[in-house]
C-alpha atoms as a PDB file:
ATOM      1  CA  MET A   1       0.371  -0.151   0.022  1.00  0.00           C
ATOM      2  CA  SER A   2       1.833   3.691  -1.129  1.00  0.00           C
ATOM      3  CA  ALA A   3       1.610   6.219   1.543  1.00  0.00           C
ATOM      4  CA  ARG A   4      -1.122   8.185  -0.308  1.00  0.00           C
ATOM      5  CA  GLU A   5      -3.698   5.475   0.120  1.00  0.00           C
ATOM      6  CA  SER A   6      -2.872   5.001   3.701  1.00  0.00           C
ATOM      7  CA  LYS A   7      -3.491   8.649   4.403  1.00  0.00           C
ATOM      8  CA  SER A   8      -6.654   8.904   2.658  1.00  0.00           C
ATOM      9  CA  LEU A   9      -7.928   5.904   4.793  1.00  0.00           C
ATOM     10  CA  LYS A  10      -7.006   8.470   7.952  1.00  0.00           C
ATOM     11  CA  ALA A  11      -8.491  11.167   6.774  1.00  0.00           C
ATOM     12  CA  SER A  12     -11.969  10.135   5.373  1.00  0.00           C
ATOM     13  CA  ALA A  13     -12.456   8.954   9.301  1.00  0.00           C
ATOM     14  CA  SER A  14     -12.922  12.477  10.360  1.00  0.00           C
ATOM     15  CA  SER A  15     -15.229  13.716  13.308  1.00  0.00           C
ATOM     16  CA  ASP A  16     -17.699  14.291  10.983  1.00  0.00           C
ATOM     17  CA  GLU A  17     -18.143  10.727   9.449  1.00  0.00           C
ATOM     18  CA  PRO A  18     -21.132   8.987  10.792  1.00  0.00           C
ATOM     19  CA  PHE A  19     -20.880   5.609  12.891  1.00  0.00           C
ATOM     20  CA  GLU A  20     -22.053   2.681  11.590  1.00  0.00           C
ATOM     21  CA  LEU A  21     -23.220  -0.474  13.702  1.00  0.00           C
ATOM     22  CA  LEU A  22     -21.850  -3.646  11.540  1.00  0.00           C
ATOM     23  CA  TYR A  23     -23.406  -6.945  14.106  1.00  0.00           C
ATOM     24  CA  TRP A  24     -26.208  -9.748  13.902  1.00  0.00           C
ATOM     25  CA  PRO A  25     -29.443  -8.524  13.945  1.00  0.00           C
ATOM     26  CA  VAL A  26     -32.048  -8.844  16.925  1.00  0.00           C
ATOM     27  CA  ILE A  27     -30.048 -10.139  19.970  1.00  0.00           C
ATOM     28  CA  PRO A  28     -28.230  -7.307  22.049  1.00  0.00           C
ATOM     29  CA  GLY A  29     -24.798  -9.758  22.096  1.00  0.00           C
ATOM     30  CA  ARG A  30     -21.606  -7.992  22.009  1.00  0.00           C
ATOM     31  CA  GLY A  31     -22.937  -5.454  19.599  1.00  0.00           C
ATOM     32  CA  GLU A  32     -24.770  -3.727  22.879  1.00  0.00           C
ATOM     33  CA  PRO A  33     -21.755  -1.956  24.701  1.00  0.00           C
ATOM     34  CA  ILE A  34     -21.176  -0.453  21.298  1.00  0.00           C
ATOM     35  CA  ARG A  35     -25.259   0.916  20.810  1.00  0.00           C
ATOM     36  CA  LEU A  36     -24.845   1.945  24.975  1.00  0.00           C
ATOM     37  CA  CYS A  37     -21.890   4.289  24.282  1.00  0.00           C
ATOM     38  CA  PHE A  38     -23.854   5.535  21.285  1.00  0.00           C
ATOM     39  CA  GLU A  39     -27.060   6.274  22.980  1.00  0.00           C
ATOM     40  CA  GLU A  40     -25.634   7.304  26.489  1.00  0.00           C
ATOM     41  CA  THR A  41     -23.300  10.560  24.898  1.00  0.00           C
ATOM     42  CA  GLY A  42     -26.268  10.894  21.969  1.00  0.00           C
ATOM     43  CA  THR A  43     -24.395   9.982  19.372  1.00  0.00           C
ATOM     44  CA  PRO A  44     -26.200   9.093  15.782  1.00  0.00           C
ATOM     45  CA  TYR A  45     -25.268   5.883  14.666  1.00  0.00           C
ATOM     46  CA  LYS A  46     -26.694   3.089  12.205  1.00  0.00           C
ATOM     47  CA  ASP A  47     -27.659   0.201  13.219  1.00  0.00           C
ATOM     48  CA  VAL A  48     -26.923  -1.895   9.708  1.00  0.00           C
ATOM     49  CA  THR A  49     -28.336  -5.034   9.896  1.00  0.00           C
ATOM     50  CA  ASN A  50     -31.602  -3.855  12.190  1.00  0.00           C
ATOM     51  CA  GLU A  51     -32.422  -0.672  10.173  1.00  0.00           C
ATOM     52  CA  ALA A  52     -31.848  -1.919   6.731  1.00  0.00           C
ATOM     53  CA  LYS A  53     -33.054  -4.528   4.276  1.00  0.00           C
ATOM     54  CA  ASP A  54     -30.819  -7.096   3.703  1.00  0.00           C
ATOM     55  CA  GLY A  55     -28.529  -5.432   6.248  1.00  0.00           C
ATOM     56  CA  ILE A  56     -26.968  -8.927   7.357  1.00  0.00           C
ATOM     57  CA  LYS A  57     -24.937  -9.009   3.913  1.00  0.00           C
ATOM     58  CA  ALA A  58     -22.991  -6.150   5.364  1.00  0.00           C
ATOM     59  CA  VAL A  59     -21.643  -8.790   8.011  1.00  0.00           C
ATOM     60  CA  THR A  60     -21.644 -11.937   6.107  1.00  0.00           C
ATOM     61  CA  SER A  61     -19.709 -10.471   3.376  1.00  0.00           C
ATOM     62  CA  ARG A  62     -17.142  -9.081   5.532  1.00  0.00           C
ATOM     63  CA  ILE A  63     -16.746 -12.695   7.301  1.00  0.00           C
ATOM     64  CA  ASP A  64     -16.488 -14.361   4.448  1.00  0.00           C
ATOM     65  CA  PRO A  65     -13.386 -16.505   3.898  1.00  0.00           C
ATOM     66  CA  ASP A  66     -12.690 -14.676   0.687  1.00  0.00           C
ATOM     67  CA  ASN A  67     -12.734 -11.197   2.327  1.00  0.00           C
ATOM     68  CA  LEU A  68      -8.887 -10.015   1.858  1.00  0.00           C
ATOM     69  CA  GLY A  69     -10.272  -6.661   3.424  1.00  0.00           C
ATOM     70  CA  GLU A  70     -11.179  -3.504   1.814  1.00  0.00           C
ATOM     71  CA  GLY A  71      -8.379  -0.935   0.932  1.00  0.00           C
ATOM     72  CA  ALA A  72      -6.270  -0.244   4.039  1.00  0.00           C
ATOM     73  CA  ASN A  73      -8.299  -2.756   6.642  1.00  0.00           C
ATOM     74  CA  ILE A  74      -7.644  -5.653   6.991  1.00  0.00           C
ATOM     75  CA  PRO A  75     -10.587  -8.180   7.002  1.00  0.00           C
ATOM     76  CA  PRO A  76     -12.551  -8.796  10.209  1.00  0.00           C
ATOM     77  CA  PHE A  77     -12.797 -12.327  11.649  1.00  0.00           C
ATOM     78  CA  ALA A  78     -16.369 -11.424  13.168  1.00  0.00           C
ATOM     79  CA  PRO A  79     -18.433  -9.171  14.070  1.00  0.00           C
ATOM     80  CA  PRO A  80     -19.282  -6.571  15.900  1.00  0.00           C
ATOM     81  CA  MET A  81     -17.507  -4.367  13.270  1.00  0.00           C
ATOM     82  CA  LEU A  82     -17.838  -0.539  13.069  1.00  0.00           C
ATOM     83  CA  ARG A  83     -17.487   1.677   9.622  1.00  0.00           C
ATOM     84  CA  ARG A  84     -16.625   5.205   9.950  1.00  0.00           C
ATOM     85  CA  GLY A  85     -15.543   6.149   6.194  1.00  0.00           C
ATOM     86  CA  ASN A  86     -13.499   4.191   5.283  1.00  0.00           C
ATOM     87  CA  LEU A  87     -12.477   2.973   7.705  1.00  0.00           C
ATOM     88  CA  LEU A  88     -13.359  -0.252   9.192  1.00  0.00           C
ATOM     89  CA  ILE A  89     -12.693  -2.296  12.768  1.00  0.00           C
ATOM     90  CA  SER A  90     -13.682  -5.262  14.658  1.00  0.00           C
ATOM     91  CA  GLN A  91     -13.202  -6.301  18.340  1.00  0.00           C
ATOM     92  CA  LEU A  92     -15.176  -5.153  21.015  1.00  0.00           C
ATOM     93  CA  PRO A  93     -12.769  -4.153  23.010  1.00  0.00           C
ATOM     94  CA  ASN A  94     -11.055  -2.538  20.424  1.00  0.00           C
ATOM     95  CA  ILE A  95     -13.637  -0.729  19.128  1.00  0.00           C
ATOM     96  CA  LEU A  96     -14.263   0.576  22.642  1.00  0.00           C
ATOM     97  CA  LEU A  97     -10.598   1.926  22.647  1.00  0.00           C
ATOM     98  CA  TYR A  98     -11.996   3.754  19.787  1.00  0.00           C
ATOM     99  CA  LEU A  99     -14.411   4.920  20.863  1.00  0.00           C
ATOM    100  CA  GLY A 100     -13.888   5.760  24.179  1.00  0.00           C
ATOM    101  CA  PRO A 101     -11.797   9.372  23.756  1.00  0.00           C
ATOM    102  CA  ARG A 102     -13.834  10.635  20.679  1.00  0.00           C
ATOM    103  CA  LEU A 103     -16.945   9.741  22.884  1.00  0.00           C
ATOM    104  CA  GLY A 104     -15.554  11.342  26.105  1.00  0.00           C
ATOM    105  CA  LEU A 105     -15.751   7.895  28.100  1.00  0.00           C
ATOM    106  CA  VAL A 106     -12.711   7.850  29.045  1.00  0.00           C
ATOM    107  CA  PRO A 107     -10.785  10.458  31.122  1.00  0.00           C
ATOM    108  CA  ASN A 108      -8.952  13.130  29.555  1.00  0.00           C
ATOM    109  CA  GLU A 109      -5.646  12.729  28.567  1.00  0.00           C
ATOM    110  CA  GLU A 110      -3.781  15.262  29.642  1.00  0.00           C
ATOM    111  CA  GLU A 111      -5.359  15.308  32.937  1.00  0.00           C
ATOM    112  CA  ASP A 112      -5.210  11.420  33.216  1.00  0.00           C
ATOM    113  CA  PRO A 113      -2.513   9.783  30.521  1.00  0.00           C
ATOM    114  CA  ASN A 114      -3.112   6.232  32.343  1.00  0.00           C
ATOM    115  CA  GLY A 115      -6.932   6.285  32.754  1.00  0.00           C
ATOM    116  CA  ILE A 116      -7.899   5.155  29.273  1.00  0.00           C
ATOM    117  CA  TYR A 117      -6.162   2.082  29.949  1.00  0.00           C
ATOM    118  CA  PHE A 118      -7.655   1.249  33.126  1.00  0.00           C
ATOM    119  CA  VAL A 119     -10.922   1.850  31.979  1.00  0.00           C
ATOM    120  CA  ASN A 120     -10.030  -0.754  29.415  1.00  0.00           C
ATOM    121  CA  GLN A 121      -8.583  -2.982  31.973  1.00  0.00           C
ATOM    122  CA  LEU A 122     -12.121  -2.705  33.355  1.00  0.00           C
ATOM    123  CA  ALA A 123     -14.100  -3.604  30.746  1.00  0.00           C
ATOM    124  CA  LEU A 124     -11.457  -6.370  29.925  1.00  0.00           C
ATOM    125  CA  THR A 125     -12.195  -8.312  32.830  1.00  0.00           C
ATOM    126  CA  ALA A 126     -15.998  -7.363  32.514  1.00  0.00           C
ATOM    127  CA  LEU A 127     -16.476  -9.147  29.498  1.00  0.00           C
ATOM    128  CA  ASP A 128     -14.214 -12.049  30.410  1.00  0.00           C
ATOM    129  CA  GLY A 129     -15.785 -12.671  33.114  1.00  0.00           C
ATOM    130  CA  LEU A 130     -19.276 -11.867  32.537  1.00  0.00           C
ATOM    131  CA  SER A 131     -19.601 -12.225  29.060  1.00  0.00           C
ATOM    132  CA  ASN A 132     -17.188 -15.068  27.555  1.00  0.00           C
ATOM    133  CA  GLU A 133     -17.621 -17.542  30.501  1.00  0.00           C
ATOM    134  CA  PRO A 134     -21.466 -17.253  30.141  1.00  0.00           C
ATOM    135  CA  HIS A 135     -21.310 -18.070  26.662  1.00  0.00           C
ATOM    136  CA  ASP A 136     -19.434 -21.171  27.592  1.00  0.00           C
ATOM    137  CA  VAL A 137     -21.995 -22.520  30.021  1.00  0.00           C
ATOM    138  CA  HIS A 138     -24.290 -23.434  27.099  1.00  0.00           C
ATOM    139  CA  HIS A 139     -21.558 -24.282  24.908  1.00  0.00           C
ATOM    140  CA  PRO A 140     -18.660 -25.785  27.321  1.00  0.00           C
ATOM    141  CA  ILE A 141     -17.165 -28.537  24.902  1.00  0.00           C
ATOM    142  CA  ALA A 142     -17.640 -27.324  21.186  1.00  0.00           C
ATOM    143  CA  VAL A 143     -19.376 -23.964  20.293  1.00  0.00           C
ATOM    144  CA  GLY A 144     -20.342 -25.576  16.890  1.00  0.00           C
ATOM    145  CA  ALA A 145     -22.863 -27.688  18.615  1.00  0.00           C
ATOM    146  CA  TYR A 146     -26.132 -27.459  20.221  1.00  0.00           C
ATOM    147  CA  TYR A 147     -26.773 -26.879  23.282  1.00  0.00           C
ATOM    148  CA  GLU A 148     -28.506 -30.210  23.344  1.00  0.00           C
ATOM    149  CA  GLU A 149     -25.517 -31.796  22.595  1.00  0.00           C
ATOM    150  CA  GLN A 150     -23.767 -31.223  25.519  1.00  0.00           C
ATOM    151  CA  LYS A 151     -26.389 -30.696  28.593  1.00  0.00           C
ATOM    152  CA  ASP A 152     -24.985 -32.516  30.879  1.00  0.00           C
ATOM    153  CA  GLU A 153     -21.785 -31.127  30.626  1.00  0.00           C
ATOM    154  CA  ALA A 154     -23.654 -27.612  30.660  1.00  0.00           C
ATOM    155  CA  LYS A 155     -24.956 -28.470  34.196  1.00  0.00           C
ATOM    156  CA  LYS A 156     -21.652 -29.237  36.141  1.00  0.00           C
ATOM    157  CA  LYS A 157     -20.461 -25.938  33.982  1.00  0.00           C
ATOM    158  CA  ALA A 158     -23.160 -23.858  35.125  1.00  0.00           C
ATOM    159  CA  ALA A 159     -22.592 -25.219  38.935  1.00  0.00           C
ATOM    160  CA  ASP A 160     -18.752 -24.154  38.767  1.00  0.00           C
ATOM    161  CA  TYR A 161     -19.715 -20.717  37.444  1.00  0.00           C
ATOM    162  CA  ILE A 162     -22.557 -20.286  39.898  1.00  0.00           C
ATOM    163  CA  GLU A 163     -20.374 -21.188  42.748  1.00  0.00           C
ATOM    164  CA  ASN A 164     -16.782 -19.798  41.689  1.00  0.00           C
ATOM    165  CA  ARG A 165     -16.964 -17.990  38.949  1.00  0.00           C
ATOM    166  CA  LEU A 166     -19.457 -15.434  39.275  1.00  0.00           C
ATOM    167  CA  PRO A 167     -19.095 -14.232  42.548  1.00  0.00           C
ATOM    168  CA  LYS A 168     -15.253 -13.934  42.156  1.00  0.00           C
ATOM    169  CA  PHE A 169     -15.854 -11.191  38.997  1.00  0.00           C
ATOM    170  CA  MET A 170     -18.674  -9.158  41.418  1.00  0.00           C
ATOM    171  CA  GLY A 171     -16.474  -9.101  44.027  1.00  0.00           C
ATOM    172  CA  TYR A 172     -13.807  -7.994  42.045  1.00  0.00           C
ATOM    173  CA  PHE A 173     -15.912  -4.966  40.856  1.00  0.00           C
ATOM    174  CA  GLU A 174     -17.280  -4.623  44.190  1.00  0.00           C
ATOM    175  CA  ARG A 175     -13.540  -4.122  45.494  1.00  0.00           C
ATOM    176  CA  VAL A 176     -12.912  -1.498  42.273  1.00  0.00           C
ATOM    177  CA  LEU A 177     -15.812   0.319  43.385  1.00  0.00           C
ATOM    178  CA  LYS A 178     -14.260   0.612  47.188  1.00  0.00           C
ATOM    179  CA  SER A 179     -11.190   1.468  46.128  1.00  0.00           C
ATOM    180  CA  LYS A 180      -9.175   4.921  46.194  1.00  0.00           C
ATOM    181  CA  ALA A 181      -9.318   4.970  41.921  1.00  0.00           C
ATOM    182  CA  SER A 182     -12.972   4.549  41.519  1.00  0.00           C
ATOM    183  CA  ASN A 183     -12.860   8.358  43.332  1.00  0.00           C
ATOM    184  CA  GLY A 184     -16.598   7.514  45.602  1.00  0.00           C
ATOM    185  CA  GLY A 185     -17.907   4.328  44.687  1.00  0.00           C
ATOM    186  CA  GLU A 186     -20.502   5.638  41.938  1.00  0.00           C
ATOM    187  CA  TRP A 187     -18.408   4.720  39.209  1.00  0.00           C
ATOM    188  CA  LEU A 188     -15.251   2.422  38.670  1.00  0.00           C
ATOM    189  CA  TYR A 189     -12.921   4.481  37.570  1.00  0.00           C
ATOM    190  CA  GLY A 190     -12.327   8.233  38.770  1.00  0.00           C
ATOM    191  CA  GLY A 191     -15.599   9.057  39.403  1.00  0.00           C
ATOM    192  CA  LYS A 192     -17.130   9.310  36.471  1.00  0.00           C
ATOM    193  CA  LEU A 193     -19.227   7.225  33.544  1.00  0.00           C
ATOM    194  CA  SER A 194     -17.191   5.721  31.398  1.00  0.00           C
ATOM    195  CA  TYR A 195     -17.234   3.010  28.977  1.00  0.00           C
ATOM    196  CA  ALA A 196     -16.330   0.116  31.364  1.00  0.00           C
ATOM    197  CA  ASP A 197     -19.005   1.214  33.435  1.00  0.00           C
ATOM    198  CA  LEU A 198     -21.827   0.505  30.285  1.00  0.00           C
ATOM    199  CA  VAL A 199     -20.211  -2.884  29.603  1.00  0.00           C
ATOM    200  CA  LEU A 200     -20.560  -3.538  33.048  1.00  0.00           C
ATOM    201  CA  PHE A 201     -24.265  -2.935  32.914  1.00  0.00           C
ATOM    202  CA  HIS A 202     -24.912  -4.884  30.095  1.00  0.00           C
ATOM    203  CA  THR A 203     -22.894  -8.364  31.311  1.00  0.00           C
ATOM    204  CA  VAL A 204     -24.753  -7.800  34.872  1.00  0.00           C
ATOM    205  CA  ASP A 205     -27.861  -7.093  33.099  1.00  0.00           C
ATOM    206  CA  GLY A 206     -27.238 -10.105  30.977  1.00  0.00           C
ATOM    207  CA  VAL A 207     -26.516 -12.733  33.458  1.00  0.00           C
ATOM    208  CA  SER A 208     -29.465 -11.424  35.338  1.00  0.00           C
ATOM    209  CA  PHE A 209     -31.328 -12.134  32.418  1.00  0.00           C
ATOM    210  CA  ALA A 210     -30.084 -15.583  32.126  1.00  0.00           C
ATOM    211  CA  LEU A 211     -29.801 -16.728  35.959  1.00  0.00           C
ATOM    212  CA  PRO A 212     -31.989 -14.551  37.531  1.00  0.00           C
ATOM    213  CA  LYS A 213     -32.184 -17.247  40.873  1.00  0.00           C
ATOM    214  CA  ALA A 214     -28.605 -17.179  41.119  1.00  0.00           C
ATOM    215  CA  ILE A 215     -28.569 -12.851  40.904  1.00  0.00           C
ATOM    216  CA  ALA A 216     -31.081 -13.046  43.286  1.00  0.00           C
ATOM    217  CA  LYS A 217     -29.560 -15.063  46.182  1.00  0.00           C
ATOM    218  CA  MET A 218     -25.888 -12.880  45.205  1.00  0.00           C
ATOM    219  CA  LYS A 219     -28.138  -9.716  45.846  1.00  0.00           C
ATOM    220  CA  GLU A 220     -30.016 -11.187  49.176  1.00  0.00           C
ATOM    221  CA  SER A 221     -26.564 -11.951  50.544  1.00  0.00           C
ATOM    222  CA  GLY A 222     -25.579  -8.028  50.271  1.00  0.00           C
ATOM    223  CA  LYS A 223     -21.587  -8.776  49.305  1.00  0.00           C
ATOM    224  CA  TYR A 224     -22.276  -6.779  45.543  1.00  0.00           C
ATOM    225  CA  ASN A 225     -24.351  -3.781  46.886  1.00  0.00           C
ATOM    226  CA  GLY A 226     -22.021  -1.643  45.036  1.00  0.00           C
ATOM    227  CA  VAL A 227     -22.405  -3.628  41.819  1.00  0.00           C
ATOM    228  CA  PHE A 228     -25.723  -3.446  41.711  1.00  0.00           C
ATOM    229  CA  ALA A 229     -26.131   0.109  42.553  1.00  0.00           C
ATOM    230  CA  LEU A 230     -23.894   0.718  39.505  1.00  0.00           C
ATOM    231  CA  VAL A 231     -26.269  -1.171  37.376  1.00  0.00           C
ATOM    232  CA  GLU A 232     -29.165   0.630  38.435  1.00  0.00           C
ATOM    233  CA  ARG A 233     -27.397   4.289  38.037  1.00  0.00           C
ATOM    234  CA  VAL A 234     -26.623   3.358  34.785  1.00  0.00           C
ATOM    235  CA  ARG A 235     -30.571   1.704  33.699  1.00  0.00           C
ATOM    236  CA  CYS A 236     -31.719   5.041  35.003  1.00  0.00           C
ATOM    237  CA  ARG A 237     -29.415   7.660  33.159  1.00  0.00           C
ATOM    238  CA  GLU A 238     -31.729   9.487  30.809  1.00  0.00           C
ATOM    239  CA  ASN A 239     -30.586   8.751  28.016  1.00  0.00           C
ATOM    240  CA  ILE A 240     -30.060   4.721  28.670  1.00  0.00           C
ATOM    241  CA  GLY A 241     -33.668   5.427  30.161  1.00  0.00           C
ATOM    242  CA  LYS A 242     -35.105   6.146  27.037  1.00  0.00           C
ATOM    243  CA  TYR A 243     -33.286   3.707  24.931  1.00  0.00           C
ATOM    244  CA  LEU A 244     -34.100   0.616  27.004  1.00  0.00           C
ATOM    245  CA  LYS A 245     -37.499   1.231  26.468  1.00  0.00           C
ATOM    246  CA  SER A 246     -37.264   1.872  22.989  1.00  0.00           C
ATOM    247  CA  ASP A 247     -37.594  -0.539  19.784  1.00  0.00           C
ATOM    248  CA  ARG A 248     -33.697   0.304  19.261  1.00  0.00           C
ATOM    249  CA  ARG A 249     -33.049  -2.377  22.477  1.00  0.00           C
ATOM    250  CA  GLN A 250     -32.974  -5.810  21.075  1.00  0.00           C
ATOM    251  CA  LYS A 251     -34.841  -8.320  23.508  1.00  0.00           C
ATOM    252  CA  TYR A 252     -32.209 -11.301  25.071  1.00  0.00           C
ATOM    253  CA  SER A 253     -32.988 -14.492  22.611  1.00  0.00           C
ATOM    254  CA  MET A 254     -30.486 -17.053  21.628  1.00  0.00           C
ATOM    255  CA  GLY A 255     -27.528 -15.169  21.618  1.00  0.00           C
ATOM    256  CA  ILE A 256     -24.875 -14.766  24.930  1.00  0.00           C
ATOM    257  CA  TYR A 257     -27.314 -14.274  27.443  1.00  0.00           C
ATOM    258  CA  ARG A 258     -29.944 -16.718  26.861  1.00  0.00           C
ATOM    259  CA  GLU A 259     -33.318 -18.404  29.498  1.00  0.00           C
ATOM    260  CA  TRP A 260     -31.249 -21.337  31.136  1.00  0.00           C
ATOM    261  CA  SER A 261     -33.540 -22.550  33.633  1.00  0.00           C
ATOM    262  CA  PRO A 262     -32.309 -26.190  33.583  1.00  0.00           C
ATOM    263  CA  LEU A 263     -28.923 -24.453  34.908  1.00  0.00           C
ATOM    264  CA  ASP A 264     -30.339 -21.822  37.198  1.00  0.00           C
ATOM    265  CA  PHE A 265     -30.031 -21.974  40.427  1.00  0.00           C
ATOM    266  CA  ASP A 266     -29.813 -20.337  43.725  1.00  0.00           C
ATOM    267  CA  TYR A 267     -26.097 -19.584  44.847  1.00  0.00           C
ATOM    268  CA  GLY A 268     -24.312 -20.393  47.951  1.00  0.00           C
END
């Protein structure tokens, strides 16, 4: 690629270019934290597969084995993807890292040059323990196999997740909220809402849908009051509240967070 082509790509992703989210239709999934960032900040965006006829082709064509990328963009492996002008990036944490400073969802770089990395660290941890691991609960052996083919293993995985892994991650975020870095205990870092808080909201909300008995027991324990308070704090924010009641909000169904009644039980 010539230097001119690379320069052209960078110049086209300017502040006046619209954002387009490319993700699977109908489900919140890994596209939801991106939507929450846009909704919280009142940033216009297009949810391509949910808004455009045949929008799914914008996803499937880009993850096709024959796709070698577009211009200076490398071919994406899987959605979510974010398109802005000629720029196309993928991987949820990477997209959040891109959006954070542009939407004001990370600390100001001049005031706190390391803040963005702490926010990213928190988001990655939430995605590890409250998104990736829950997905493995209903697909513990093979992602490509149906849940019905691995029910017995899923029950074992669910038991370990509910008894051990879920409390560990919830306890971690409770500890973060009590730390000096939280600066007050309302938000995870710096006393101000960041995209890490939006990620934690979505993942805890998703696990609450999937494992209501386990989450109800955790609430009763009183050990994670800070985390649950943060979730409600996000839910009650003006823009987020309007979004959650709108048609733009996709319902939990067959994505990461699904109805797991055979796998759900009281925690502790």
